[in-house]
PDB file of N, CA and C in Angstrom:
ATOM      1  N   UNK A   1     -16.612 -31.384 -18.609  1.00  0.00           N
ATOM      2  CA  UNK A   1     -15.242 -31.759 -18.336  1.00  0.00           C
ATOM      3  C   UNK A   1     -14.655 -30.698 -17.397  1.00  0.00           C
ATOM      4  N   UNK A   2     -14.009 -31.134 -16.335  1.00  0.00           N
ATOM      5  CA  UNK A   2     -13.450 -30.214 -15.354  1.00  0.00           C
ATOM      6  C   UNK A   2     -12.142 -29.600 -15.834  1.00  0.00           C
ATOM      7  N   UNK A   3     -11.757 -28.575 -15.148  1.00  0.00           N
ATOM      8  CA  UNK A   3     -10.524 -27.875 -15.510  1.00  0.00           C
ATOM      9  C   UNK A   3      -9.305 -28.789 -15.406  1.00  0.00           C
ATOM     10  N   UNK A   4      -9.235 -29.584 -14.358  1.00  0.00           N
ATOM     11  CA  UNK A   4      -8.089 -30.467 -14.167  1.00  0.00           C
ATOM     12  C   UNK A   4      -8.024 -31.529 -15.256  1.00  0.00           C
ATOM     13  N   UNK A   5      -9.169 -32.099 -15.604  1.00  0.00           N
ATOM     14  CA  UNK A   5      -9.201 -33.135 -16.646  1.00  0.00           C
ATOM     15  C   UNK A   5      -8.787 -32.550 -17.995  1.00  0.00           C
ATOM     16  N   UNK A   6      -9.266 -31.340 -18.300  1.00  0.00           N
ATOM     17  CA  UNK A   6      -8.878 -30.686 -19.557  1.00  0.00           C
ATOM     18  C   UNK A   6      -7.385 -30.378 -19.570  1.00  0.00           C
ATOM     19  N   UNK A   7      -6.863 -29.961 -18.430  1.00  0.00           N
ATOM     20  CA  UNK A   7      -5.445 -29.648 -18.343  1.00  0.00           C
ATOM     21  C   UNK A   7      -4.591 -30.884 -18.579  1.00  0.00           C
ATOM     22  N   UNK A   8      -4.985 -31.997 -17.990  1.00  0.00           N
ATOM     23  CA  UNK A   8      -4.217 -33.233 -18.100  1.00  0.00           C
ATOM     24  C   UNK A   8      -4.278 -33.800 -19.514  1.00  0.00           C
ATOM     25  N   UNK A   9      -5.411 -33.704 -20.176  1.00  0.00           N
ATOM     26  CA  UNK A   9      -5.568 -34.295 -21.502  1.00  0.00           C
ATOM     27  C   UNK A   9      -5.187 -33.341 -22.644  1.00  0.00           C
ATOM     28  N   UNK A  10      -4.935 -32.075 -22.334  1.00  0.00           N
ATOM     29  CA  UNK A  10      -4.593 -31.102 -23.368  1.00  0.00           C
ATOM     30  C   UNK A  10      -3.203 -31.379 -23.925  1.00  0.00           C
ATOM     31  N   UNK A  11      -3.053 -31.210 -25.242  1.00  0.00           N
ATOM     32  CA  UNK A  11      -1.762 -31.409 -25.894  1.00  0.00           C
ATOM     33  C   UNK A  11      -1.214 -30.107 -26.462  1.00  0.00           C
ATOM     34  N   UNK A  12      -1.818 -28.988 -26.128  1.00  0.00           N
ATOM     35  CA  UNK A  12      -1.386 -27.708 -26.683  1.00  0.00           C
ATOM     36  C   UNK A  12       0.009 -27.311 -26.211  1.00  0.00           C
ATOM     37  N   UNK A  13       0.352 -27.611 -24.988  1.00  0.00           N
ATOM     38  CA  UNK A  13       1.651 -27.217 -24.455  1.00  0.00           C
ATOM     39  C   UNK A  13       2.757 -28.204 -24.760  1.00  0.00           C
ATOM     40  N   UNK A  14       2.437 -29.312 -25.412  1.00  0.00           N
ATOM     41  CA  UNK A  14       3.444 -30.340 -25.673  1.00  0.00           C
ATOM     42  C   UNK A  14       4.561 -29.814 -26.566  1.00  0.00           C
ATOM     43  N   UNK A  15       4.218 -29.054 -27.581  1.00  0.00           N
ATOM     44  CA  UNK A  15       5.244 -28.529 -28.488  1.00  0.00           C
ATOM     45  C   UNK A  15       6.171 -27.574 -27.752  1.00  0.00           C
ATOM     46  N   UNK A  16       5.615 -26.744 -26.889  1.00  0.00           N
ATOM     47  CA  UNK A  16       6.442 -25.806 -26.133  1.00  0.00           C
ATOM     48  C   UNK A  16       7.396 -26.550 -25.217  1.00  0.00           C
ATOM     49  N   UNK A  17       6.919 -27.599 -24.592  1.00  0.00           N
ATOM     50  CA  UNK A  17       7.776 -28.390 -23.707  1.00  0.00           C
ATOM     51  C   UNK A  17       8.876 -29.073 -24.511  1.00  0.00           C
ATOM     52  N   UNK A  18       8.532 -29.603 -25.668  1.00  0.00           N
ATOM     53  CA  UNK A  18       9.541 -30.245 -26.516  1.00  0.00           C
ATOM     54  C   UNK A  18      10.605 -29.245 -26.954  1.00  0.00           C
ATOM     55  N   UNK A  19      10.184 -28.043 -27.340  1.00  0.00           N
ATOM     56  CA  UNK A  19      11.154 -27.020 -27.737  1.00  0.00           C
ATOM     57  C   UNK A  19      12.026 -26.607 -26.552  1.00  0.00           C
ATOM     58  N   UNK A  20      11.440 -26.533 -25.374  1.00  0.00           N
ATOM     59  CA  UNK A  20      12.217 -26.181 -24.186  1.00  0.00           C
ATOM     60  C   UNK A  20      13.245 -27.263 -23.871  1.00  0.00           C
ATOM     61  N   UNK A  21      12.873 -28.521 -24.019  1.00  0.00           N
ATOM     62  CA  UNK A  21      13.825 -29.607 -23.791  1.00  0.00           C
ATOM     63  C   UNK A  21      14.959 -29.580 -24.812  1.00  0.00           C
ATOM     64  N   UNK A  22      14.628 -29.342 -26.073  1.00  0.00           N
ATOM     65  CA  UNK A  22      15.651 -29.252 -27.112  1.00  0.00           C
ATOM     66  C   UNK A  22      16.598 -28.089 -26.818  1.00  0.00           C
ATOM     67  N   UNK A  23      16.040 -26.942 -26.441  1.00  0.00           N
ATOM     68  CA  UNK A  23      16.874 -25.779 -26.127  1.00  0.00           C
ATOM     69  C   UNK A  23      17.762 -26.060 -24.919  1.00  0.00           C
ATOM     70  N   UNK A  24      17.234 -26.743 -23.927  1.00  0.00           N
ATOM     71  CA  UNK A  24      18.027 -27.082 -22.746  1.00  0.00           C
ATOM     72  C   UNK A  24      19.167 -28.021 -23.068  1.00  0.00           C
ATOM     73  N   UNK A  25      18.882 -29.048 -23.840  1.00  0.00           N
ATOM     74  CA  UNK A  25      19.930 -30.002 -24.227  1.00  0.00           C
ATOM     75  C   UNK A  25      20.982 -29.305 -25.086  1.00  0.00           C
ATOM     76  N   UNK A  26      20.547 -28.479 -26.005  1.00  0.00           N
ATOM     77  CA  UNK A  26      21.483 -27.754 -26.864  1.00  0.00           C
ATOM     78  C   UNK A  26      22.375 -26.824 -26.044  1.00  0.00           C
ATOM     79  N   UNK A  27      21.815 -26.155 -25.059  1.00  0.00           N
ATOM     80  CA  UNK A  27      22.622 -25.255 -24.239  1.00  0.00           C
ATOM     81  C   UNK A  27      23.654 -26.027 -23.421  1.00  0.00           C
ATOM     82  N   UNK A  28      23.312 -27.218 -22.952  1.00  0.00           N
ATOM     83  CA  UNK A  28      24.278 -28.044 -22.219  1.00  0.00           C
ATOM     84  C   UNK A  28      25.404 -28.471 -23.156  1.00  0.00           C
ATOM     85  N   UNK A  29      25.072 -28.869 -24.369  1.00  0.00           N
ATOM     86  CA  UNK A  29      26.091 -29.280 -25.341  1.00  0.00           C
ATOM     87  C   UNK A  29      27.026 -28.113 -25.664  1.00  0.00           C
ATOM     88  N   UNK A  30      26.474 -26.939 -25.862  1.00  0.00           N
ATOM     89  CA  UNK A  30      27.290 -25.759 -26.161  1.00  0.00           C
ATOM     90  C   UNK A  30      28.191 -25.427 -24.968  1.00  0.00           C
ATOM     91  N   UNK A  31      27.665 -25.506 -23.761  1.00  0.00           N
ATOM     92  CA  UNK A  31      28.454 -25.210 -22.574  1.00  0.00           C
ATOM     93  C   UNK A  31      29.611 -26.189 -22.406  1.00  0.00           C
ATOM     94  N   UNK A  32      29.343 -27.469 -22.585  1.00  0.00           N
ATOM     95  CA  UNK A  32      30.406 -28.475 -22.473  1.00  0.00           C
ATOM     96  C   UNK A  32      31.458 -28.247 -23.557  1.00  0.00           C
ATOM     97  N   UNK A  33      31.033 -27.975 -24.767  1.00  0.00           N
ATOM     98  CA  UNK A  33      31.972 -27.693 -25.844  1.00  0.00           C
ATOM     99  C   UNK A  33      32.822 -26.469 -25.550  1.00  0.00           C
ATOM    100  N   UNK A  34      32.211 -25.445 -24.999  1.00  0.00           N
ATOM    101  CA  UNK A  34      32.945 -24.234 -24.642  1.00  0.00           C
ATOM    102  C   UNK A  34      33.988 -24.523 -23.565  1.00  0.00           C
ATOM    103  N   UNK A  35      33.622 -25.307 -22.564  1.00  0.00           N
ATOM    104  CA  UNK A  35      34.559 -25.641 -21.496  1.00  0.00           C
ATOM    105  C   UNK A  35      35.739 -26.453 -22.027  1.00  0.00           C
ATOM    106  N   UNK A  36      35.468 -27.406 -22.897  1.00  0.00           N
ATOM    107  CA  UNK A  36      36.543 -28.208 -23.477  1.00  0.00           C
ATOM    108  C   UNK A  36      37.438 -27.329 -24.340  1.00  0.00           C
ATOM    109  N   UNK A  37      36.844 -26.489 -25.165  1.00  0.00           N
ATOM    110  CA  UNK A  37      37.609 -25.605 -26.032  1.00  0.00           C
ATOM    111  C   UNK A  37      38.451 -24.631 -25.223  1.00  0.00           C
ATOM    112  N   UNK A  38      37.910 -24.120 -24.123  1.00  0.00           N
ATOM    113  CA  UNK A  38      38.642 -23.192 -23.273  1.00  0.00           C
ATOM    114  C   UNK A  38      39.887 -23.853 -22.700  1.00  0.00           C
ATOM    115  N   UNK A  39      39.753 -25.086 -22.232  1.00  0.00           N
ATOM    116  CA  UNK A  39      40.907 -25.806 -21.701  1.00  0.00           C
ATOM    117  C   UNK A  39      41.957 -26.031 -22.781  1.00  0.00           C
ATOM    118  N   UNK A  40      41.517 -26.418 -23.959  1.00  0.00           N
ATOM    119  CA  UNK A  40      42.454 -26.659 -25.063  1.00  0.00           C
ATOM    120  C   UNK A  40      43.178 -25.371 -25.456  1.00  0.00           C
ATOM    121  N   UNK A  41      42.455 -24.277 -25.546  1.00  0.00           N
ATOM    122  CA  UNK A  41      43.080 -23.010 -25.921  1.00  0.00           C
ATOM    123  C   UNK A  41      44.035 -22.533 -24.842  1.00  0.00           C
ATOM    124  N   UNK A  42      43.686 -22.760 -23.578  1.00  0.00           N
ATOM    125  CA  UNK A  42      44.588 -22.387 -22.488  1.00  0.00           C
ATOM    126  C   UNK A  42      45.891 -23.162 -22.561  1.00  0.00           C
ATOM    127  N   UNK A  43      45.813 -24.455 -22.839  1.00  0.00           N
ATOM    128  CA  UNK A  43      47.014 -25.264 -22.991  1.00  0.00           C
ATOM    129  C   UNK A  43      47.845 -24.824 -24.183  1.00  0.00           C
ATOM    130  N   UNK A  44      47.182 -24.499 -25.277  1.00  0.00           N
ATOM    131  CA  UNK A  44      47.888 -24.031 -26.474  1.00  0.00           C
ATOM    132  C   UNK A  44      48.603 -22.718 -26.191  1.00  0.00           C
ATOM    133  N   UNK A  45      47.941 -21.823 -25.496  1.00  0.00           N
ATOM    134  CA  UNK A  45      48.544 -20.539 -25.157  1.00  0.00           C
ATOM    135  C   UNK A  45      49.757 -20.741 -24.249  1.00  0.00           C
ATOM    136  N   UNK A  46      49.630 -21.607 -23.246  1.00  0.00           N
ATOM    137  CA  UNK A  46      50.750 -21.869 -22.336  1.00  0.00           C
ATOM    138  C   UNK A  46      51.950 -22.458 -23.081  1.00  0.00           C
ATOM    139  N   UNK A  47      51.696 -23.406 -23.977  1.00  0.00           N
ATOM    140  CA  UNK A  47      52.789 -24.005 -24.748  1.00  0.00           C
ATOM    141  C   UNK A  47      53.446 -22.975 -25.664  1.00  0.00           C
ATOM    142  N   UNK A  48      52.639 -22.138 -26.290  1.00  0.00           N
ATOM    143  CA  UNK A  48      53.191 -21.112 -27.183  1.00  0.00           C
ATOM    144  C   UNK A  48      54.028 -20.111 -26.403  1.00  0.00           C
ATOM    145  N   UNK A  49      53.545 -19.683 -25.251  1.00  0.00           N
ATOM    146  CA  UNK A  49      54.290 -18.731 -24.428  1.00  0.00           C
ATOM    147  C   UNK A  49      55.609 -19.338 -23.978  1.00  0.00           C
ATOM    148  N   UNK A  50      55.593 -20.608 -23.619  1.00  0.00           N
ATOM    149  CA  UNK A  50      56.809 -21.295 -23.198  1.00  0.00           C
ATOM    150  C   UNK A  50      57.804 -21.390 -24.354  1.00  0.00           C
ATOM    151  N   UNK A  51      57.301 -21.752 -25.526  1.00  0.00           N
ATOM    152  CA  UNK A  51      58.172 -21.869 -26.702  1.00  0.00           C
ATOM    153  C   UNK A  51      58.789 -20.526 -27.074  1.00  0.00           C
ATOM    154  N   UNK A  52      58.017 -19.467 -27.016  1.00  0.00           N
ATOM    155  CA  UNK A  52      58.532 -18.134 -27.345  1.00  0.00           C
ATOM    156  C   UNK A  52      59.576 -17.726 -26.308  1.00  0.00           C
ATOM    157  N   UNK A  53      59.295 -18.001 -25.035  1.00  0.00           N
ATOM    158  CA  UNK A  53      60.257 -17.657 -23.987  1.00  0.00           C
ATOM    159  C   UNK A  53      61.561 -18.411 -24.168  1.00  0.00           C
ATOM    160  N   UNK A  54      61.499 -19.681 -24.510  1.00  0.00           N
ATOM    161  CA  UNK A  54      62.713 -20.460 -24.742  1.00  0.00           C
ATOM    162  C   UNK A  54      63.472 -19.953 -25.957  1.00  0.00           C
ATOM    163  N   UNK A  55      62.750 -19.565 -27.000  1.00  0.00           N
ATOM    164  CA  UNK A  55      63.402 -19.056 -28.206  1.00  0.00           C
ATOM    165  C   UNK A  55      64.108 -17.736 -27.918  1.00  0.00           C
ATOM    166  N   UNK A  56      63.484 -16.876 -27.136  1.00  0.00           N
ATOM    167  CA  UNK A  56      64.100 -15.588 -26.805  1.00  0.00           C
ATOM    168  C   UNK A  56      65.329 -15.830 -25.936  1.00  0.00           C
ATOM    169  N   UNK A  57      65.221 -16.713 -24.949  1.00  0.00           N
ATOM    170  CA  UNK A  57      66.364 -17.017 -24.084  1.00  0.00           C
ATOM    171  C   UNK A  57      67.497 -17.647 -24.883  1.00  0.00           C
ATOM    172  N   UNK A  58      67.167 -18.522 -25.813  1.00  0.00           N
ATOM    173  CA  UNK A  58      68.174 -19.192 -26.626  1.00  0.00           C
ATOM    174  C   UNK A  58      68.864 -18.254 -27.599  1.00  0.00           C
ATOM    175  N   UNK A  59      68.186 -17.188 -27.980  1.00  0.00           N
ATOM    176  CA  UNK A  59      68.761 -16.240 -28.932  1.00  0.00           C
ATOM    177  C   UNK A  59      69.574 -15.159 -28.213  1.00  0.00           C
ATOM    178  N   UNK A  60      69.620 -15.223 -26.906  1.00  0.00           N
ATOM    179  CA  UNK A  60      70.382 -14.233 -26.147  1.00  0.00           C
ATOM    180  C   UNK A  60      69.639 -12.946 -25.942  1.00  0.00           C
ATOM    181  N   UNK A  61      68.357 -12.966 -26.154  1.00  0.00           N
ATOM    182  CA  UNK A  61      67.564 -11.754 -26.005  1.00  0.00           C
ATOM    183  C   UNK A  61      66.957 -11.606 -24.627  1.00  0.00           C
ATOM    184  N   UNK A  62      67.242 -12.533 -23.758  1.00  0.00           N
ATOM    185  CA  UNK A  62      66.668 -12.483 -22.419  1.00  0.00           C
ATOM    186  C   UNK A  62      67.448 -11.553 -21.519  1.00  0.00           C
ATOM    187  N   UNK A  63      66.917 -11.239 -20.347  1.00  0.00           N
ATOM    188  CA  UNK A  63      67.600 -10.329 -19.419  1.00  0.00           C
ATOM    189  C   UNK A  63      68.846 -10.923 -18.835  1.00  0.00           C
TER     190      UNK A  63
END
């Protein structure tokens, strides 16, 4: 059996490839989740800062 034929029919690397695909998909899911969470937290921070600024201005504590 030639080297190329053994390489093509070998199943030893299949598990490594499957684990690499799982790791790749998982990393994409984590990245997308992080991006969505970052946007949500940024909006929450902006709203909170606005609310605090309005409360300070309304209480007469502003410049």
